[in-house]
Amino acid sequence: MGIPTETSERLSPSVTGTVRRALRHDRWALAGAVTIGLLGLLAAGADVLCAIEGQDPYTYDTGALDPSTGAPPGSFGGAGGAHWFGVEPLTGRDLFAIVAHGARTSLLIGLAATAVSVALGVVLGMVAGYRGGWTDRLVSRTADVMFGFPYLIFMIALGAVTPLSFPRPLLLILLLGFFGWPRVARVVRAQTLTLRRRTFVSASRVMGASTGQVLRRQILPNLLVPIIVVATLLVPERIGAEAALSFLGAGIPPPRPSWGRSIGDAVDWVSTDPMFLLFPGGALFLATLALNLLGDGLRDAFDPRMTILTGGRR
């Protein structure tokens, strides 16, 4: 006699259908999804777009600068046919190429760090919620400590002592991912505490399923909804954290493009070249806003209380 899986099998169509309804009826979530898609295309097609423009993010072009000030000439930061977004002060590097390749850096680190956080949080949250006892207390107390831990200061200090040979993007992914798991674990633990008392979980145990089988076949599929929602809301936090570290000089080192470092450099030029701050700052703002709008839309769509209050209409 097999282990019941009917609950798991019915979940996927419900999830995908709810996502489609959320995007169809919530214009803000749809706008967020479209914006994320456009930024993803910008990141994926950065090389092609920069080739069309005829620029790259590493070439210095001091001829595009005012020799007396080191700033781009004109009122728009040197923007024109040769440089779509203008150029970077002092170096003359193309700002569009920096923003496009910076999108690749920020999205890669944000998504990869979120994946690490989700993997750790799901495993620890499920084990804590299902086993209870000292395991639950240990995971919960560790998560509480990490919520109050000044991880940005720790990461700055750790980055200062890490050998330069260690890839900085990988270091940021591991650190941001590690410090993001408590939020995921708390949500997963709460859901697992409820699911472990459900009839289909009890039936699986009675029929001889091991703990691993119950967690993998019965608990995990029914956690997809909260995992999707919390991951969507966690990505902008990880992108913002990477930007903050780069802004402080502890993130992505030059010459690799980074929105956060560009924003940090632009602060000194905001009075003479505001366009230098506008484009990387605007890209970071759009990315975080769009991801938060999408996450809020999915959270509302999957919230049964919202369905009850609106009579099933979004």
C-alpha atoms as a PDB file:
ATOM      1  CA  MET A   1       0.000   0.000   0.000  1.00  0.00           C
ATOM      2  CA  GLY A   2       1.494   3.344  -1.054  1.00  0.00           C
ATOM      3  CA  ILE A   3       1.861   6.565   0.849  1.00  0.00           C
ATOM      4  CA  PRO A   4      -0.953   9.055   0.150  1.00  0.00           C
ATOM      5  CA  THR A   5       0.122  11.882  -2.157  1.00  0.00           C
ATOM      6  CA  GLU A   6      -3.200  13.236  -3.347  1.00  0.00           C
ATOM      7  CA  THR A   7      -2.831  16.497  -1.426  1.00  0.00           C
ATOM      8  CA  SER A   8       0.577  17.122  -2.981  1.00  0.00           C
ATOM      9  CA  GLU A   9      -0.666  16.300  -6.479  1.00  0.00           C
ATOM     10  CA  ARG A  10      -3.502  18.813  -6.296  1.00  0.00           C
ATOM     11  CA  LEU A  11      -1.282  21.677  -5.195  1.00  0.00           C
ATOM     12  CA  SER A  12       0.626  22.708  -8.317  1.00  0.00           C
ATOM     13  CA  PRO A  13      -2.383  23.650 -10.489  1.00  0.00           C
ATOM     14  CA  SER A  14      -3.773  25.667  -7.572  1.00  0.00           C
ATOM     15  CA  VAL A  15      -0.515  27.583  -7.134  1.00  0.00           C
ATOM     16  CA  THR A  16      -0.051  28.396 -10.800  1.00  0.00           C
ATOM     17  CA  GLY A  17      -3.715  29.298 -11.195  1.00  0.00           C
ATOM     18  CA  THR A  18      -3.613  31.642  -8.222  1.00  0.00           C
ATOM     19  CA  VAL A  19      -0.470  33.328  -9.562  1.00  0.00           C
ATOM     20  CA  ARG A  20      -2.185  33.897 -12.906  1.00  0.00           C
ATOM     21  CA  ARG A  21      -5.250  35.344 -11.199  1.00  0.00           C
ATOM     22  CA  ALA A  22      -3.092  37.606  -9.051  1.00  0.00           C
ATOM     23  CA  LEU A  23      -1.313  38.992 -12.096  1.00  0.00           C
ATOM     24  CA  ARG A  24      -4.548  39.295 -14.063  1.00  0.00           C
ATOM     25  CA  HIS A  25      -6.546  41.141 -11.402  1.00  0.00           C
ATOM     26  CA  ASP A  26      -3.894  43.021  -9.406  1.00  0.00           C
ATOM     27  CA  ARG A  27      -2.450  45.727 -11.660  1.00  0.00           C
ATOM     28  CA  TRP A  28       0.305  46.567  -9.180  1.00  0.00           C
ATOM     29  CA  ALA A  29       1.510  42.978  -9.012  1.00  0.00           C
ATOM     30  CA  LEU A  30       1.363  42.818 -12.809  1.00  0.00           C
ATOM     31  CA  ALA A  31       3.348  46.057 -13.085  1.00  0.00           C
ATOM     32  CA  GLY A  32       5.906  44.609 -10.695  1.00  0.00           C
ATOM     33  CA  ALA A  33       6.179  41.398 -12.705  1.00  0.00           C
ATOM     34  CA  VAL A  34       6.584  43.318 -15.977  1.00  0.00           C
ATOM     35  CA  THR A  35       9.250  45.571 -14.465  1.00  0.00           C
ATOM     36  CA  ILE A  36      11.143  42.572 -13.105  1.00  0.00           C
ATOM     37  CA  GLY A  37      10.931  40.954 -16.532  1.00  0.00           C
ATOM     38  CA  LEU A  38      12.337  44.073 -18.216  1.00  0.00           C
ATOM     39  CA  LEU A  39      15.176  44.334 -15.703  1.00  0.00           C
ATOM     40  CA  GLY A  40      15.882  40.641 -16.225  1.00  0.00           C
ATOM     41  CA  LEU A  41      16.078  41.207 -19.991  1.00  0.00           C
ATOM     42  CA  LEU A  42      18.386  44.170 -19.385  1.00  0.00           C
ATOM     43  CA  ALA A  43      20.678  41.998 -17.259  1.00  0.00           C
ATOM     44  CA  ALA A  44      20.593  38.996 -19.607  1.00  0.00           C
ATOM     45  CA  GLY A  45      21.079  41.119 -22.716  1.00  0.00           C
ATOM     46  CA  ALA A  46      23.632  43.543 -21.263  1.00  0.00           C
ATOM     47  CA  ASP A  47      26.389  42.429 -23.642  1.00  0.00           C
ATOM     48  CA  VAL A  48      24.159  42.681 -26.707  1.00  0.00           C
ATOM     49  CA  LEU A  49      22.690  46.055 -25.736  1.00  0.00           C
ATOM     50  CA  CYS A  50      26.110  47.496 -24.972  1.00  0.00           C
ATOM     51  CA  ALA A  51      27.400  46.194 -28.308  1.00  0.00           C
ATOM     52  CA  ILE A  52      24.517  47.969 -30.067  1.00  0.00           C
ATOM     53  CA  GLU A  53      25.427  51.168 -28.227  1.00  0.00           C
ATOM     54  CA  GLY A  54      29.085  50.575 -29.037  1.00  0.00           C
ATOM     55  CA  GLN A  55      30.276  50.850 -25.426  1.00  0.00           C
ATOM     56  CA  ASP A  56      31.321  48.671 -22.505  1.00  0.00           C
ATOM     57  CA  PRO A  57      31.481  49.284 -18.731  1.00  0.00           C
ATOM     58  CA  TYR A  58      35.279  49.120 -18.472  1.00  0.00           C
ATOM     59  CA  THR A  59      36.668  51.473 -21.133  1.00  0.00           C
ATOM     60  CA  TYR A  60      37.794  54.898 -19.930  1.00  0.00           C
ATOM     61  CA  ASP A  61      36.870  57.791 -22.234  1.00  0.00           C
ATOM     62  CA  THR A  62      38.334  60.982 -20.813  1.00  0.00           C
ATOM     63  CA  GLY A  63      37.566  62.698 -24.095  1.00  0.00           C
ATOM     64  CA  ALA A  64      33.886  62.706 -23.085  1.00  0.00           C
ATOM     65  CA  LEU A  65      34.675  64.800 -19.985  1.00  0.00           C
ATOM     66  CA  ASP A  66      35.256  68.462 -19.355  1.00  0.00           C
ATOM     67  CA  PRO A  67      39.053  68.627 -18.813  1.00  0.00           C
ATOM     68  CA  SER A  68      38.721  71.449 -16.279  1.00  0.00           C
ATOM     69  CA  THR A  69      36.225  69.725 -13.950  1.00  0.00           C
ATOM     70  CA  GLY A  70      36.339  66.027 -14.813  1.00  0.00           C
ATOM     71  CA  ALA A  71      32.546  66.060 -15.146  1.00  0.00           C
ATOM     72  CA  PRO A  72      30.542  65.340 -18.302  1.00  0.00           C
ATOM     73  CA  PRO A  73      29.750  68.477 -20.322  1.00  0.00           C
ATOM     74  CA  GLY A  74      26.179  69.726 -20.705  1.00  0.00           C
ATOM     75  CA  SER A  75      23.090  69.442 -18.541  1.00  0.00           C
ATOM     76  CA  PHE A  76      22.372  65.722 -19.006  1.00  0.00           C
ATOM     77  CA  GLY A  77      25.592  64.076 -17.885  1.00  0.00           C
ATOM     78  CA  GLY A  78      26.904  63.670 -21.409  1.00  0.00           C
ATOM     79  CA  ALA A  79      23.863  61.688 -22.566  1.00  0.00           C
ATOM     80  CA  GLY A  80      23.498  61.358 -26.318  1.00  0.00           C
ATOM     81  CA  GLY A  81      23.757  58.957 -29.214  1.00  0.00           C
ATOM     82  CA  ALA A  82      27.199  57.699 -28.191  1.00  0.00           C
ATOM     83  CA  HIS A  83      26.344  57.399 -24.483  1.00  0.00           C
ATOM     84  CA  TRP A  84      22.640  56.740 -23.864  1.00  0.00           C
ATOM     85  CA  PHE A  85      22.758  57.482 -20.130  1.00  0.00           C
ATOM     86  CA  GLY A  86      25.802  59.739 -20.203  1.00  0.00           C
ATOM     87  CA  VAL A  87      29.200  58.959 -18.713  1.00  0.00           C
ATOM     88  CA  GLU A  88      30.756  58.511 -15.300  1.00  0.00           C
ATOM     89  CA  PRO A  89      32.651  61.553 -13.950  1.00  0.00           C
ATOM     90  CA  LEU A  90      36.458  61.338 -13.823  1.00  0.00           C
ATOM     91  CA  THR A  91      36.598  58.087 -15.825  1.00  0.00           C
ATOM     92  CA  GLY A  92      34.246  58.701 -18.741  1.00  0.00           C
ATOM     93  CA  ARG A  93      32.951  55.117 -18.564  1.00  0.00           C
ATOM     94  CA  ASP A  94      29.576  54.602 -20.202  1.00  0.00           C
ATOM     95  CA  LEU A  95      26.787  54.855 -17.620  1.00  0.00           C
ATOM     96  CA  PHE A  96      24.272  52.726 -19.556  1.00  0.00           C
ATOM     97  CA  ALA A  97      26.789  49.870 -19.701  1.00  0.00           C
ATOM     98  CA  ILE A  98      27.443  50.254 -15.965  1.00  0.00           C
ATOM     99  CA  VAL A  99      23.712  50.150 -15.152  1.00  0.00           C
ATOM    100  CA  ALA A 100      23.048  47.196 -17.479  1.00  0.00           C
ATOM    101  CA  HIS A 101      25.923  45.094 -16.158  1.00  0.00           C
ATOM    102  CA  GLY A 102      25.163  46.274 -12.630  1.00  0.00           C
ATOM    103  CA  ALA A 103      21.676  44.796 -13.064  1.00  0.00           C
ATOM    104  CA  ARG A 104      23.296  41.457 -13.781  1.00  0.00           C
ATOM    105  CA  THR A 105      25.411  41.746 -10.619  1.00  0.00           C
ATOM    106  CA  SER A 106      22.563  42.827  -8.342  1.00  0.00           C
ATOM    107  CA  LEU A 107      19.978  40.346  -9.626  1.00  0.00           C
ATOM    108  CA  LEU A 108      22.452  37.457  -9.611  1.00  0.00           C
ATOM    109  CA  ILE A 109      23.524  38.108  -6.036  1.00  0.00           C
ATOM    110  CA  GLY A 110      19.948  38.820  -4.878  1.00  0.00           C
ATOM    111  CA  LEU A 111      18.490  35.678  -6.423  1.00  0.00           C
ATOM    112  CA  ALA A 112      21.384  33.389  -5.474  1.00  0.00           C
ATOM    113  CA  ALA A 113      21.483  34.664  -1.879  1.00  0.00           C
ATOM    114  CA  THR A 114      17.713  34.181  -1.631  1.00  0.00           C
ATOM    115  CA  ALA A 115      18.087  30.617  -2.911  1.00  0.00           C
ATOM    116  CA  VAL A 116      20.640  29.919  -0.156  1.00  0.00           C
ATOM    117  CA  SER A 117      18.350  31.489   2.461  1.00  0.00           C
ATOM    118  CA  VAL A 118      15.353  29.495   1.259  1.00  0.00           C
ATOM    119  CA  ALA A 119      17.266  26.207   1.197  1.00  0.00           C
ATOM    120  CA  LEU A 120      18.555  26.672   4.749  1.00  0.00           C
ATOM    121  CA  GLY A 121      15.309  28.124   6.075  1.00  0.00           C
ATOM    122  CA  VAL A 122      13.104  25.394   4.601  1.00  0.00           C
ATOM    123  CA  VAL A 123      15.244  22.564   5.958  1.00  0.00           C
ATOM    124  CA  LEU A 124      15.664  24.058   9.434  1.00  0.00           C
ATOM    125  CA  GLY A 125      12.059  25.271   9.647  1.00  0.00           C
ATOM    126  CA  MET A 126      10.587  21.917   8.621  1.00  0.00           C
ATOM    127  CA  VAL A 127      12.799  19.950  10.998  1.00  0.00           C
ATOM    128  CA  ALA A 128      12.063  22.330  13.890  1.00  0.00           C
ATOM    129  CA  GLY A 129       8.308  22.349  13.289  1.00  0.00           C
ATOM    130  CA  TYR A 130       7.998  18.619  12.697  1.00  0.00           C
ATOM    131  CA  ARG A 131      10.257  17.287  15.443  1.00  0.00           C
ATOM    132  CA  GLY A 132       9.545  19.932  18.101  1.00  0.00           C
ATOM    133  CA  GLY A 133      11.226  19.620  21.483  1.00  0.00           C
ATOM    134  CA  TRP A 134      14.847  20.677  21.863  1.00  0.00           C
ATOM    135  CA  THR A 135      15.317  20.821  18.087  1.00  0.00           C
ATOM    136  CA  ASP A 136      12.553  23.404  17.806  1.00  0.00           C
ATOM    137  CA  ARG A 137      13.920  25.397  20.729  1.00  0.00           C
ATOM    138  CA  LEU A 138      17.459  25.390  19.336  1.00  0.00           C
ATOM    139  CA  VAL A 139      16.419  26.556  15.854  1.00  0.00           C
ATOM    140  CA  SER A 140      13.981  29.142  17.223  1.00  0.00           C
ATOM    141  CA  ARG A 141      16.469  30.646  19.681  1.00  0.00           C
ATOM    142  CA  THR A 142      19.190  30.750  17.018  1.00  0.00           C
ATOM    143  CA  ALA A 143      16.814  32.537  14.648  1.00  0.00           C
ATOM    144  CA  ASP A 144      15.905  35.049  17.363  1.00  0.00           C
ATOM    145  CA  VAL A 145      19.578  35.833  17.955  1.00  0.00           C
ATOM    146  CA  MET A 146      20.256  36.264  14.251  1.00  0.00           C
ATOM    147  CA  PHE A 147      17.306  38.615  13.830  1.00  0.00           C
ATOM    148  CA  GLY A 148      19.015  41.061  16.185  1.00  0.00           C
ATOM    149  CA  PHE A 149      22.544  40.451  14.921  1.00  0.00           C
ATOM    150  CA  PRO A 150      24.203  43.456  13.167  1.00  0.00           C
ATOM    151  CA  TYR A 151      25.091  41.397  10.123  1.00  0.00           C
ATOM    152  CA  LEU A 152      26.121  44.346   7.917  1.00  0.00           C
ATOM    153  CA  ILE A 153      28.866  45.285  10.383  1.00  0.00           C
ATOM    154  CA  PHE A 154      29.928  41.646  10.605  1.00  0.00           C
ATOM    155  CA  MET A 155      30.047  41.354   6.817  1.00  0.00           C
ATOM    156  CA  ILE A 156      32.116  44.520   6.483  1.00  0.00           C
ATOM    157  CA  ALA A 157      34.599  43.187   9.029  1.00  0.00           C
ATOM    158  CA  LEU A 158      34.691  39.736   7.431  1.00  0.00           C
ATOM    159  CA  GLY A 159      35.135  41.225   3.972  1.00  0.00           C
ATOM    160  CA  ALA A 160      38.159  43.173   5.216  1.00  0.00           C
ATOM    161  CA  VAL A 161      39.974  40.009   6.336  1.00  0.00           C
ATOM    162  CA  THR A 162      38.888  37.703   3.506  1.00  0.00           C
ATOM    163  CA  PRO A 163      41.696  37.064   0.983  1.00  0.00           C
ATOM    164  CA  LEU A 164      41.340  38.991  -2.266  1.00  0.00           C
ATOM    165  CA  SER A 165      41.645  35.682  -4.135  1.00  0.00           C
ATOM    166  CA  PHE A 166      38.244  34.598  -2.806  1.00  0.00           C
ATOM    167  CA  PRO A 167      35.538  35.706  -5.308  1.00  0.00           C
ATOM    168  CA  ARG A 168      33.664  38.607  -3.721  1.00  0.00           C
ATOM    169  CA  PRO A 169      30.294  37.814  -5.433  1.00  0.00           C
ATOM    170  CA  LEU A 170      30.430  34.276  -3.993  1.00  0.00           C
ATOM    171  CA  LEU A 171      31.287  35.664  -0.551  1.00  0.00           C
ATOM    172  CA  LEU A 172      28.315  38.042  -0.670  1.00  0.00           C
ATOM    173  CA  ILE A 173      25.978  35.275  -1.820  1.00  0.00           C
ATOM    174  CA  LEU A 174      27.039  32.966   1.011  1.00  0.00           C
ATOM    175  CA  LEU A 175      26.899  35.643   3.709  1.00  0.00           C
ATOM    176  CA  LEU A 176      23.651  37.277   2.600  1.00  0.00           C
ATOM    177  CA  GLY A 177      22.115  33.849   2.123  1.00  0.00           C
ATOM    178  CA  PHE A 178      23.197  32.661   5.552  1.00  0.00           C
ATOM    179  CA  PHE A 179      21.822  35.721   7.359  1.00  0.00           C
ATOM    180  CA  GLY A 180      18.511  35.489   5.493  1.00  0.00           C
ATOM    181  CA  TRP A 181      17.416  31.998   6.576  1.00  0.00           C
ATOM    182  CA  PRO A 182      15.743  32.931   9.928  1.00  0.00           C
ATOM    183  CA  ARG A 183      12.866  34.743   8.202  1.00  0.00           C
ATOM    184  CA  VAL A 184      12.187  31.755   5.960  1.00  0.00           C
ATOM    185  CA  ALA A 185      12.561  29.271   8.818  1.00  0.00           C
ATOM    186  CA  ARG A 186      10.075  31.125  11.001  1.00  0.00           C
ATOM    187  CA  VAL A 187       7.365  31.008   8.301  1.00  0.00           C
ATOM    188  CA  VAL A 188       8.079  27.371   7.398  1.00  0.00           C
ATOM    189  CA  ARG A 189       8.139  26.270  11.051  1.00  0.00           C
ATOM    190  CA  ALA A 190       4.740  27.860  11.741  1.00  0.00           C
ATOM    191  CA  GLN A 191       3.188  26.131   8.721  1.00  0.00           C
ATOM    192  CA  THR A 192       4.823  22.800   9.555  1.00  0.00           C
ATOM    193  CA  LEU A 193       3.417  22.900  13.101  1.00  0.00           C
ATOM    194  CA  THR A 194      -0.053  23.032  11.544  1.00  0.00           C
ATOM    195  CA  LEU A 195       0.567  20.499   8.780  1.00  0.00           C
ATOM    196  CA  ARG A 196       2.015  17.806  11.037  1.00  0.00           C
ATOM    197  CA  ARG A 197      -1.381  17.445  12.738  1.00  0.00           C
ATOM    198  CA  ARG A 198      -3.239  17.000   9.449  1.00  0.00           C
ATOM    199  CA  THR A 199      -4.865  13.659   8.642  1.00  0.00           C
ATOM    200  CA  PHE A 200      -2.793  12.867   5.551  1.00  0.00           C
ATOM    201  CA  VAL A 201       0.463  13.314   7.532  1.00  0.00           C
ATOM    202  CA  SER A 202      -0.782  11.030  10.301  1.00  0.00           C
ATOM    203  CA  ALA A 203      -1.869   8.474   7.695  1.00  0.00           C
ATOM    204  CA  SER A 204       1.609   8.510   6.133  1.00  0.00           C
ATOM    205  CA  ARG A 205       3.237   7.837   9.497  1.00  0.00           C
ATOM    206  CA  VAL A 206       0.809   5.015  10.297  1.00  0.00           C
ATOM    207  CA  MET A 207       1.567   3.394   6.935  1.00  0.00           C
ATOM    208  CA  GLY A 208       5.276   3.293   7.731  1.00  0.00           C
ATOM    209  CA  ALA A 209       6.656   6.399   6.057  1.00  0.00           C
ATOM    210  CA  SER A 210       9.954   7.630   7.480  1.00  0.00           C
ATOM    211  CA  THR A 211      10.432  11.183   8.711  1.00  0.00           C
ATOM    212  CA  GLY A 212      12.281  12.092   5.520  1.00  0.00           C
ATOM    213  CA  GLN A 213       9.489  10.708   3.348  1.00  0.00           C
ATOM    214  CA  VAL A 214       6.810  12.601   5.274  1.00  0.00           C
ATOM    215  CA  LEU A 215       8.736  15.856   5.068  1.00  0.00           C
ATOM    216  CA  ARG A 216       9.553  15.432   1.383  1.00  0.00           C
ATOM    217  CA  ARG A 217       6.256  14.048   0.078  1.00  0.00           C
ATOM    218  CA  GLN A 218       3.622  15.495   2.382  1.00  0.00           C
ATOM    219  CA  ILE A 219       4.948  18.569   4.195  1.00  0.00           C
ATOM    220  CA  LEU A 220       7.170  20.214   1.569  1.00  0.00           C
ATOM    221  CA  PRO A 221       4.639  20.321  -1.316  1.00  0.00           C
ATOM    222  CA  ASN A 222       2.151  22.063   0.955  1.00  0.00           C
ATOM    223  CA  LEU A 223       4.750  24.682   1.883  1.00  0.00           C
ATOM    224  CA  LEU A 224       5.253  25.902  -1.685  1.00  0.00           C
ATOM    225  CA  VAL A 225       2.861  28.831  -1.319  1.00  0.00           C
ATOM    226  CA  PRO A 226       4.454  30.467   1.754  1.00  0.00           C
ATOM    227  CA  ILE A 227       7.920  29.693   0.384  1.00  0.00           C
ATOM    228  CA  ILE A 228       7.128  31.461  -2.909  1.00  0.00           C
ATOM    229  CA  VAL A 229       5.732  34.491  -1.111  1.00  0.00           C
ATOM    230  CA  VAL A 230       8.534  34.878   1.430  1.00  0.00           C
ATOM    231  CA  ALA A 231      11.190  34.329  -1.267  1.00  0.00           C
ATOM    232  CA  THR A 232       9.650  37.029  -3.450  1.00  0.00           C
ATOM    233  CA  LEU A 233       9.770  39.458  -0.529  1.00  0.00           C
ATOM    234  CA  LEU A 234      13.303  38.395   0.446  1.00  0.00           C
ATOM    235  CA  VAL A 235      14.921  39.065  -2.945  1.00  0.00           C
ATOM    236  CA  PRO A 236      14.654  42.879  -2.725  1.00  0.00           C
ATOM    237  CA  GLU A 237      16.094  42.786   0.785  1.00  0.00           C
ATOM    238  CA  ARG A 238      19.135  40.851  -0.453  1.00  0.00           C
ATOM    239  CA  ILE A 239      19.544  43.223  -3.426  1.00  0.00           C
ATOM    240  CA  GLY A 240      19.331  46.204  -1.077  1.00  0.00           C
ATOM    241  CA  ALA A 241      21.848  44.657   1.309  1.00  0.00           C
ATOM    242  CA  GLU A 242      24.326  44.072  -1.530  1.00  0.00           C
ATOM    243  CA  ALA A 243      23.843  47.667  -2.683  1.00  0.00           C
ATOM    244  CA  ALA A 244      24.398  48.932   0.869  1.00  0.00           C
ATOM    245  CA  LEU A 245      27.628  46.961   1.211  1.00  0.00           C
ATOM    246  CA  SER A 246      28.870  48.186  -2.179  1.00  0.00           C
ATOM    247  CA  PHE A 247      27.867  51.729  -1.208  1.00  0.00           C
ATOM    248  CA  LEU A 248      30.041  51.388   1.898  1.00  0.00           C
ATOM    249  CA  GLY A 249      32.926  49.963  -0.111  1.00  0.00           C
ATOM    250  CA  ALA A 250      32.595  46.441   1.301  1.00  0.00           C
ATOM    251  CA  GLY A 251      30.671  44.856  -1.556  1.00  0.00           C
ATOM    252  CA  ILE A 252      31.587  44.297  -5.191  1.00  0.00           C
ATOM    253  CA  PRO A 253      35.077  45.739  -5.826  1.00  0.00           C
ATOM    254  CA  PRO A 254      35.836  47.851  -8.900  1.00  0.00           C
ATOM    255  CA  PRO A 255      35.939  47.659 -11.839  1.00  0.00           C
ATOM    256  CA  ARG A 256      32.983  45.235 -11.817  1.00  0.00           C
ATOM    257  CA  PRO A 257      29.786  47.319 -12.188  1.00  0.00           C
ATOM    258  CA  SER A 258      27.543  47.594  -9.149  1.00  0.00           C
ATOM    259  CA  TRP A 259      24.508  49.794  -8.547  1.00  0.00           C
ATOM    260  CA  GLY A 260      25.430  50.341  -4.915  1.00  0.00           C
ATOM    261  CA  ARG A 261      28.989  51.449  -5.629  1.00  0.00           C
ATOM    262  CA  SER A 262      27.801  53.737  -8.442  1.00  0.00           C
ATOM    263  CA  ILE A 263      25.310  55.336  -6.045  1.00  0.00           C
ATOM    264  CA  GLY A 264      28.079  55.792  -3.479  1.00  0.00           C
ATOM    265  CA  ASP A 265      30.332  57.438  -6.082  1.00  0.00           C
ATOM    266  CA  ALA A 266      27.478  59.608  -7.355  1.00  0.00           C
ATOM    267  CA  VAL A 267      26.820  61.186  -3.952  1.00  0.00           C
ATOM    268  CA  ASP A 268      29.896  63.412  -4.359  1.00  0.00           C
ATOM    269  CA  TRP A 269      28.688  64.589  -7.781  1.00  0.00           C
ATOM    270  CA  VAL A 270      24.981  65.092  -7.121  1.00  0.00           C
ATOM    271  CA  SER A 271      25.211  68.901  -7.264  1.00  0.00           C
ATOM    272  CA  THR A 272      27.157  69.007 -10.546  1.00  0.00           C
ATOM    273  CA  ASP A 273      26.032  65.798 -12.314  1.00  0.00           C
ATOM    274  CA  PRO A 274      22.680  64.551 -10.923  1.00  0.00           C
ATOM    275  CA  MET A 275      22.265  62.137 -13.857  1.00  0.00           C
ATOM    276  CA  PHE A 276      25.077  60.030 -12.410  1.00  0.00           C
ATOM    277  CA  LEU A 277      22.859  59.319  -9.384  1.00  0.00           C
ATOM    278  CA  LEU A 278      19.562  59.168 -11.268  1.00  0.00           C
ATOM    279  CA  PHE A 279      20.148  56.078 -13.393  1.00  0.00           C
ATOM    280  CA  PRO A 280      21.754  53.578 -10.956  1.00  0.00           C
ATOM    281  CA  GLY A 281      19.570  54.892  -8.124  1.00  0.00           C
ATOM    282  CA  GLY A 282      16.462  54.653 -10.284  1.00  0.00           C
ATOM    283  CA  ALA A 283      17.332  51.091 -11.354  1.00  0.00           C
ATOM    284  CA  LEU A 284      17.782  49.992  -7.732  1.00  0.00           C
ATOM    285  CA  PHE A 285      14.529  51.705  -6.734  1.00  0.00           C
ATOM    286  CA  LEU A 286      12.591  50.078  -9.577  1.00  0.00           C
ATOM    287  CA  ALA A 287      13.979  46.619  -8.809  1.00  0.00           C
ATOM    288  CA  THR A 288      13.144  46.736  -5.099  1.00  0.00           C
ATOM    289  CA  LEU A 289       9.746  48.360  -5.657  1.00  0.00           C
ATOM    290  CA  ALA A 290       8.746  45.876  -8.372  1.00  0.00           C
ATOM    291  CA  LEU A 291       9.748  42.848  -6.305  1.00  0.00           C
ATOM    292  CA  ASN A 292       7.876  44.169  -3.277  1.00  0.00           C
ATOM    293  CA  LEU A 293       4.747  44.850  -5.364  1.00  0.00           C
ATOM    294  CA  LEU A 294       4.857  41.344  -6.797  1.00  0.00           C
ATOM    295  CA  GLY A 295       5.457  39.821  -3.360  1.00  0.00           C
ATOM    296  CA  ASP A 296       2.581  41.779  -1.815  1.00  0.00           C
ATOM    297  CA  GLY A 297       0.285  40.749  -4.670  1.00  0.00           C
ATOM    298  CA  LEU A 298       1.136  37.077  -4.294  1.00  0.00           C
ATOM    299  CA  ARG A 299       0.770  37.249  -0.511  1.00  0.00           C
ATOM    300  CA  ASP A 300      -2.716  38.758  -0.845  1.00  0.00           C
ATOM    301  CA  ALA A 301      -3.695  36.254  -3.537  1.00  0.00           C
ATOM    302  CA  PHE A 302      -2.670  33.288  -1.403  1.00  0.00           C
ATOM    303  CA  ASP A 303      -4.181  34.688   1.824  1.00  0.00           C
ATOM    304  CA  PRO A 304      -7.506  32.931   2.481  1.00  0.00           C
ATOM    305  CA  ARG A 305      -8.690  35.863   4.599  1.00  0.00           C
ATOM    306  CA  MET A 306      -8.356  38.164   1.591  1.00  0.00           C
ATOM    307  CA  THR A 307     -10.450  35.746  -0.477  1.00  0.00           C
ATOM    308  CA  ILE A 308     -13.162  35.676   2.188  1.00  0.00           C
ATOM    309  CA  LEU A 309     -13.251  39.458   2.532  1.00  0.00           C
ATOM    310  CA  THR A 310     -13.511  40.032  -1.226  1.00  0.00           C
ATOM    311  CA  GLY A 311     -15.832  37.139  -2.000  1.00  0.00           C
ATOM    312  CA  GLY A 312     -13.200  35.434  -4.123  1.00  0.00           C
ATOM    313  CA  ARG A 313     -12.520  38.548  -6.252  1.00  0.00           C
ATOM    314  CA  ARG A 314      -9.230  40.425  -6.254  1.00  0.00           C
END
